[in-house]
C-alpha atoms as a PDB file:
ATOM      1  CA  UNK A   1      63.820  16.644 -19.772  1.00  0.00           C
ATOM      2  CA  UNK A   2      62.409  16.380 -16.255  1.00  0.00           C
ATOM      3  CA  UNK A   3      58.827  15.529 -15.276  1.00  0.00           C
ATOM      4  CA  UNK A   4      57.787  19.170 -14.735  1.00  0.00           C
ATOM      5  CA  UNK A   5      59.005  20.230 -18.175  1.00  0.00           C
ATOM      6  CA  UNK A   6      57.265  17.262 -19.781  1.00  0.00           C
ATOM      7  CA  UNK A   7      54.069  18.058 -17.871  1.00  0.00           C
ATOM      8  CA  UNK A   8      54.173  21.643 -19.148  1.00  0.00           C
ATOM      9  CA  UNK A   9      54.504  20.397 -22.735  1.00  0.00           C
ATOM     10  CA  UNK A  10      51.593  17.994 -22.280  1.00  0.00           C
ATOM     11  CA  UNK A  11      49.401  20.511 -20.415  1.00  0.00           C
ATOM     12  CA  UNK A  12      47.069  21.247 -23.384  1.00  0.00           C
ATOM     13  CA  UNK A  13      46.118  17.557 -23.781  1.00  0.00           C
ATOM     14  CA  UNK A  14      45.740  17.143 -20.019  1.00  0.00           C
ATOM     15  CA  UNK A  15      43.477  20.211 -19.859  1.00  0.00           C
ATOM     16  CA  UNK A  16      41.427  18.902 -22.799  1.00  0.00           C
ATOM     17  CA  UNK A  17      41.027  15.515 -21.089  1.00  0.00           C
ATOM     18  CA  UNK A  18      39.953  17.154 -17.814  1.00  0.00           C
ATOM     19  CA  UNK A  19      37.441  19.309 -19.704  1.00  0.00           C
ATOM     20  CA  UNK A  20      36.117  16.234 -21.510  1.00  0.00           C
ATOM     21  CA  UNK A  21      35.792  14.348 -18.213  1.00  0.00           C
ATOM     22  CA  UNK A  22      33.875  17.239 -16.663  1.00  0.00           C
ATOM     23  CA  UNK A  23      31.568  17.427 -19.682  1.00  0.00           C
ATOM     24  CA  UNK A  24      30.795  13.730 -19.283  1.00  0.00           C
ATOM     25  CA  UNK A  25      30.180  14.064 -15.546  1.00  0.00           C
ATOM     26  CA  UNK A  26      33.362  12.245 -14.621  1.00  0.00           C
ATOM     27  CA  UNK A  27      35.929  13.279 -12.055  1.00  0.00           C
ATOM     28  CA  UNK A  28      38.836  15.593 -12.782  1.00  0.00           C
ATOM     29  CA  UNK A  29      41.052  12.703 -11.652  1.00  0.00           C
ATOM     30  CA  UNK A  30      39.833  10.624 -14.583  1.00  0.00           C
ATOM     31  CA  UNK A  31      40.656  13.444 -16.982  1.00  0.00           C
ATOM     32  CA  UNK A  32      44.071  14.029 -15.447  1.00  0.00           C
ATOM     33  CA  UNK A  33      44.913  10.311 -15.571  1.00  0.00           C
ATOM     34  CA  UNK A  34      43.784  10.020 -19.176  1.00  0.00           C
ATOM     35  CA  UNK A  35      45.772  13.128 -20.075  1.00  0.00           C
ATOM     36  CA  UNK A  36      48.835  11.832 -18.255  1.00  0.00           C
ATOM     37  CA  UNK A  37      48.721   8.616 -20.276  1.00  0.00           C
ATOM     38  CA  UNK A  38      48.450  10.535 -23.546  1.00  0.00           C
ATOM     39  CA  UNK A  39      51.649  10.674 -25.554  1.00  0.00           C
ATOM     40  CA  UNK A  40      53.325   8.058 -23.333  1.00  0.00           C
ATOM     41  CA  UNK A  41      55.258   5.510 -25.328  1.00  0.00           C
ATOM     42  CA  UNK A  42      55.049   2.922 -22.564  1.00  0.00           C
ATOM     43  CA  UNK A  43      52.443   1.844 -20.048  1.00  0.00           C
ATOM     44  CA  UNK A  44      52.644   3.320 -16.545  1.00  0.00           C
ATOM     45  CA  UNK A  45      52.398   1.596 -13.175  1.00  0.00           C
ATOM     46  CA  UNK A  46      49.852   2.465 -10.530  1.00  0.00           C
ATOM     47  CA  UNK A  47      52.666   3.906  -8.386  1.00  0.00           C
ATOM     48  CA  UNK A  48      53.964   6.097 -11.217  1.00  0.00           C
ATOM     49  CA  UNK A  49      50.479   7.399 -12.045  1.00  0.00           C
ATOM     50  CA  UNK A  50      49.862   8.190  -8.371  1.00  0.00           C
ATOM     51  CA  UNK A  51      53.200   9.983  -8.145  1.00  0.00           C
ATOM     52  CA  UNK A  52      52.710  12.002 -11.352  1.00  0.00           C
ATOM     53  CA  UNK A  53      49.126  13.022 -10.587  1.00  0.00           C
ATOM     54  CA  UNK A  54      49.275  13.423  -6.813  1.00  0.00           C
ATOM     55  CA  UNK A  55      46.279  11.141  -6.339  1.00  0.00           C
ATOM     56  CA  UNK A  56      46.220   8.201  -3.967  1.00  0.00           C
ATOM     57  CA  UNK A  57      46.692   4.713  -5.383  1.00  0.00           C
ATOM     58  CA  UNK A  58      43.063   3.953  -4.506  1.00  0.00           C
ATOM     59  CA  UNK A  59      41.858   6.946  -6.527  1.00  0.00           C
ATOM     60  CA  UNK A  60      44.122   6.028  -9.421  1.00  0.00           C
ATOM     61  CA  UNK A  61      43.022   2.372  -9.378  1.00  0.00           C
ATOM     62  CA  UNK A  62      39.285   3.161  -9.269  1.00  0.00           C
ATOM     63  CA  UNK A  63      39.522   5.784 -12.021  1.00  0.00           C
ATOM     64  CA  UNK A  64      41.684   3.554 -14.197  1.00  0.00           C
ATOM     65  CA  UNK A  65      39.170   0.726 -13.731  1.00  0.00           C
ATOM     66  CA  UNK A  66      36.466   3.104 -14.935  1.00  0.00           C
ATOM     67  CA  UNK A  67      38.558   4.140 -17.953  1.00  0.00           C
ATOM     68  CA  UNK A  68      39.129   0.449 -18.694  1.00  0.00           C
ATOM     69  CA  UNK A  69      35.418  -0.296 -18.506  1.00  0.00           C
ATOM     70  CA  UNK A  70      34.739   2.556 -20.920  1.00  0.00           C
ATOM     71  CA  UNK A  71      37.318   1.133 -23.325  1.00  0.00           C
ATOM     72  CA  UNK A  72      39.563   4.194 -23.104  1.00  0.00           C
ATOM     73  CA  UNK A  73      42.468   2.470 -21.361  1.00  0.00           C
ATOM     74  CA  UNK A  74      43.738  -1.033 -20.908  1.00  0.00           C
ATOM     75  CA  UNK A  75      45.802  -2.877 -18.371  1.00  0.00           C
ATOM     76  CA  UNK A  76      49.097  -4.492 -19.212  1.00  0.00           C
ATOM     77  CA  UNK A  77      50.350  -7.159 -16.836  1.00  0.00           C
ATOM     78  CA  UNK A  78      54.123  -7.318 -16.406  1.00  0.00           C
ATOM     79  CA  UNK A  79      56.058  -9.675 -14.215  1.00  0.00           C
ATOM     80  CA  UNK A  80      57.533  -7.508 -11.478  1.00  0.00           C
ATOM     81  CA  UNK A  81      60.732  -9.498 -11.326  1.00  0.00           C
ATOM     82  CA  UNK A  82      62.131 -12.801 -12.497  1.00  0.00           C
ATOM     83  CA  UNK A  83      62.655 -14.065  -8.967  1.00  0.00           C
ATOM     84  CA  UNK A  84      59.260 -12.888  -7.765  1.00  0.00           C
ATOM     85  CA  UNK A  85      55.972 -14.241  -8.949  1.00  0.00           C
ATOM     86  CA  UNK A  86      54.213 -10.927  -8.405  1.00  0.00           C
ATOM     87  CA  UNK A  87      52.427  -9.235 -11.233  1.00  0.00           C
ATOM     88  CA  UNK A  88      52.549  -5.507 -11.634  1.00  0.00           C
ATOM     89  CA  UNK A  89      49.657  -3.856 -13.385  1.00  0.00           C
ATOM     90  CA  UNK A  90      50.546  -1.108 -15.764  1.00  0.00           C
ATOM     91  CA  UNK A  91      48.095   1.094 -17.604  1.00  0.00           C
ATOM     92  CA  UNK A  92      48.080   2.433 -21.135  1.00  0.00           C
ATOM     93  CA  UNK A  93      45.681   4.558 -23.104  1.00  0.00           C
ATOM     94  CA  UNK A  94      43.742   2.685 -25.758  1.00  0.00           C
ATOM     95  CA  UNK A  95      45.213   3.664 -29.112  1.00  0.00           C
ATOM     96  CA  UNK A  96      43.342   1.276 -31.404  1.00  0.00           C
ATOM     97  CA  UNK A  97      41.115   3.566 -33.463  1.00  0.00           C
ATOM     98  CA  UNK A  98      38.455   0.927 -33.989  1.00  0.00           C
ATOM     99  CA  UNK A  99      38.400   0.114 -30.261  1.00  0.00           C
ATOM    100  CA  UNK A 100      37.880   3.799 -29.412  1.00  0.00           C
ATOM    101  CA  UNK A 101      35.202   4.443 -32.041  1.00  0.00           C
ATOM    102  CA  UNK A 102      32.347   2.751 -30.115  1.00  0.00           C
ATOM    103  CA  UNK A 103      33.316   4.665 -26.973  1.00  0.00           C
ATOM    104  CA  UNK A 104      33.069   8.021 -28.738  1.00  0.00           C
ATOM    105  CA  UNK A 105      29.906   7.102 -30.646  1.00  0.00           C
ATOM    106  CA  UNK A 106      28.284   5.821 -27.467  1.00  0.00           C
ATOM    107  CA  UNK A 107      28.892   9.118 -25.667  1.00  0.00           C
ATOM    108  CA  UNK A 108      27.367  11.079 -28.542  1.00  0.00           C
ATOM    109  CA  UNK A 109      24.377   8.745 -28.800  1.00  0.00           C
ATOM    110  CA  UNK A 110      23.831   8.964 -25.050  1.00  0.00           C
ATOM    111  CA  UNK A 111      23.598  12.745 -25.308  1.00  0.00           C
ATOM    112  CA  UNK A 112      21.235  12.493 -28.294  1.00  0.00           C
ATOM    113  CA  UNK A 113      18.953  10.054 -26.450  1.00  0.00           C
ATOM    114  CA  UNK A 114      18.977  12.272 -23.372  1.00  0.00           C
ATOM    115  CA  UNK A 115      17.777  15.245 -25.444  1.00  0.00           C
ATOM    116  CA  UNK A 116      15.105  13.136 -27.165  1.00  0.00           C
ATOM    117  CA  UNK A 117      13.806  11.898 -23.784  1.00  0.00           C
ATOM    118  CA  UNK A 118      13.707  15.491 -22.554  1.00  0.00           C
ATOM    119  CA  UNK A 119      11.782  16.574 -25.666  1.00  0.00           C
ATOM    120  CA  UNK A 120       9.230  13.821 -25.022  1.00  0.00           C
ATOM    121  CA  UNK A 121       8.833  14.993 -21.439  1.00  0.00           C
ATOM    122  CA  UNK A 122       8.413  18.631 -22.464  1.00  0.00           C
ATOM    123  CA  UNK A 123       5.750  17.644 -24.995  1.00  0.00           C
ATOM    124  CA  UNK A 124       3.858  15.746 -22.280  1.00  0.00           C
ATOM    125  CA  UNK A 125       4.211  18.660 -19.885  1.00  0.00           C
ATOM    126  CA  UNK A 126       2.939  21.149 -22.460  1.00  0.00           C
ATOM    127  CA  UNK A 127       0.045  18.993 -23.667  1.00  0.00           C
ATOM    128  CA  UNK A 128      -2.172  20.373 -20.889  1.00  0.00           C
ATOM    129  CA  UNK A 129      -1.338  23.955 -21.933  1.00  0.00           C
ATOM    130  CA  UNK A 130      -2.478  24.081 -25.537  1.00  0.00           C
ATOM    131  CA  UNK A 131      -1.525  27.721 -26.160  1.00  0.00           C
ATOM    132  CA  UNK A 132       2.064  27.121 -25.021  1.00  0.00           C
ATOM    133  CA  UNK A 133       2.206  23.816 -26.891  1.00  0.00           C
ATOM    134  CA  UNK A 134       1.251  25.521 -30.160  1.00  0.00           C
ATOM    135  CA  UNK A 135       3.970  28.143 -29.722  1.00  0.00           C
ATOM    136  CA  UNK A 136       6.696  25.583 -29.170  1.00  0.00           C
ATOM    137  CA  UNK A 137       5.499  22.789 -31.479  1.00  0.00           C
ATOM    138  CA  UNK A 138       7.377  24.056 -34.556  1.00  0.00           C
ATOM    139  CA  UNK A 139      10.576  24.432 -32.550  1.00  0.00           C
ATOM    140  CA  UNK A 140      10.064  20.994 -31.018  1.00  0.00           C
ATOM    141  CA  UNK A 141       9.508  19.383 -34.446  1.00  0.00           C
ATOM    142  CA  UNK A 142      12.719  20.883 -35.861  1.00  0.00           C
ATOM    143  CA  UNK A 143      14.707  19.981 -32.782  1.00  0.00           C
ATOM    144  CA  UNK A 144      13.349  16.433 -32.698  1.00  0.00           C
ATOM    145  CA  UNK A 145      14.052  15.967 -36.408  1.00  0.00           C
ATOM    146  CA  UNK A 146      17.647  17.118 -35.943  1.00  0.00           C
ATOM    147  CA  UNK A 147      18.301  14.764 -33.009  1.00  0.00           C
ATOM    148  CA  UNK A 148      16.567  11.819 -34.674  1.00  0.00           C
ATOM    149  CA  UNK A 149      18.651  12.347 -37.810  1.00  0.00           C
ATOM    150  CA  UNK A 150      21.830  12.638 -35.730  1.00  0.00           C
ATOM    151  CA  UNK A 151      20.918   9.402 -33.963  1.00  0.00           C
ATOM    152  CA  UNK A 152      20.466   7.730 -37.354  1.00  0.00           C
ATOM    153  CA  UNK A 153      23.876   9.023 -38.501  1.00  0.00           C
ATOM    154  CA  UNK A 154      25.510   7.656 -35.339  1.00  0.00           C
ATOM    155  CA  UNK A 155      23.781   4.302 -35.851  1.00  0.00           C
ATOM    156  CA  UNK A 156      24.996   4.129 -39.449  1.00  0.00           C
ATOM    157  CA  UNK A 157      28.522   5.001 -38.342  1.00  0.00           C
ATOM    158  CA  UNK A 158      28.489   1.897 -36.139  1.00  0.00           C
ATOM    159  CA  UNK A 159      28.382  -0.264 -39.260  1.00  0.00           C
ATOM    160  CA  UNK A 160      31.610   0.966 -40.847  1.00  0.00           C
ATOM    161  CA  UNK A 161      35.240   1.354 -39.879  1.00  0.00           C
ATOM    162  CA  UNK A 162      36.611   4.887 -39.802  1.00  0.00           C
ATOM    163  CA  UNK A 163      38.531   4.272 -43.022  1.00  0.00           C
ATOM    164  CA  UNK A 164      35.367   3.043 -44.752  1.00  0.00           C
ATOM    165  CA  UNK A 165      33.441   6.092 -43.536  1.00  0.00           C
ATOM    166  CA  UNK A 166      36.127   8.451 -44.794  1.00  0.00           C
ATOM    167  CA  UNK A 167      36.143   6.721 -48.192  1.00  0.00           C
ATOM    168  CA  UNK A 168      32.357   6.912 -48.511  1.00  0.00           C
ATOM    169  CA  UNK A 169      32.172  10.540 -47.433  1.00  0.00           C
ATOM    170  CA  UNK A 170      35.072  11.645 -49.619  1.00  0.00           C
ATOM    171  CA  UNK A 171      33.608   9.862 -52.637  1.00  0.00           C
ATOM    172  CA  UNK A 172      30.365  11.837 -52.160  1.00  0.00           C
ATOM    173  CA  UNK A 173      32.275  15.118 -51.863  1.00  0.00           C
ATOM    174  CA  UNK A 174      33.429  15.036 -55.497  1.00  0.00           C
END
């Protein structure tokens, strides 16, 4: 199977990664690189990633560094050749579930905190307009309660592995 055929098969995951990157305010390049690394059995070199994505090596390197810092990818150092002492950096998607969990939870908590900060600001803004504040106070209370409870759930999830969470939740389902 050639690269184009493989790319077509992987297109749904690549599109999902690009959409996720856009939602998080990241570049399309980051989404495309993450999607390209998905389903790869081996790490990929900077040159290979640049070739497969059409991005420059500089763009690939900076976006891969960002993905590394987020904990979504990691760098594998291979010796380029036995006679050479050069190291070649290869990149792989993070596949350790417990390593990825804080990354995902952090993104969700960041969104929750952003909404809570916005609610605080709206309350301050409306305080001077008592008639408008009364109209929106019930909505604000319900919205705040929801986001505070979601924040608490995310905080509690930080204390357990995914397997432990599944066990606890499934035991309560019965």
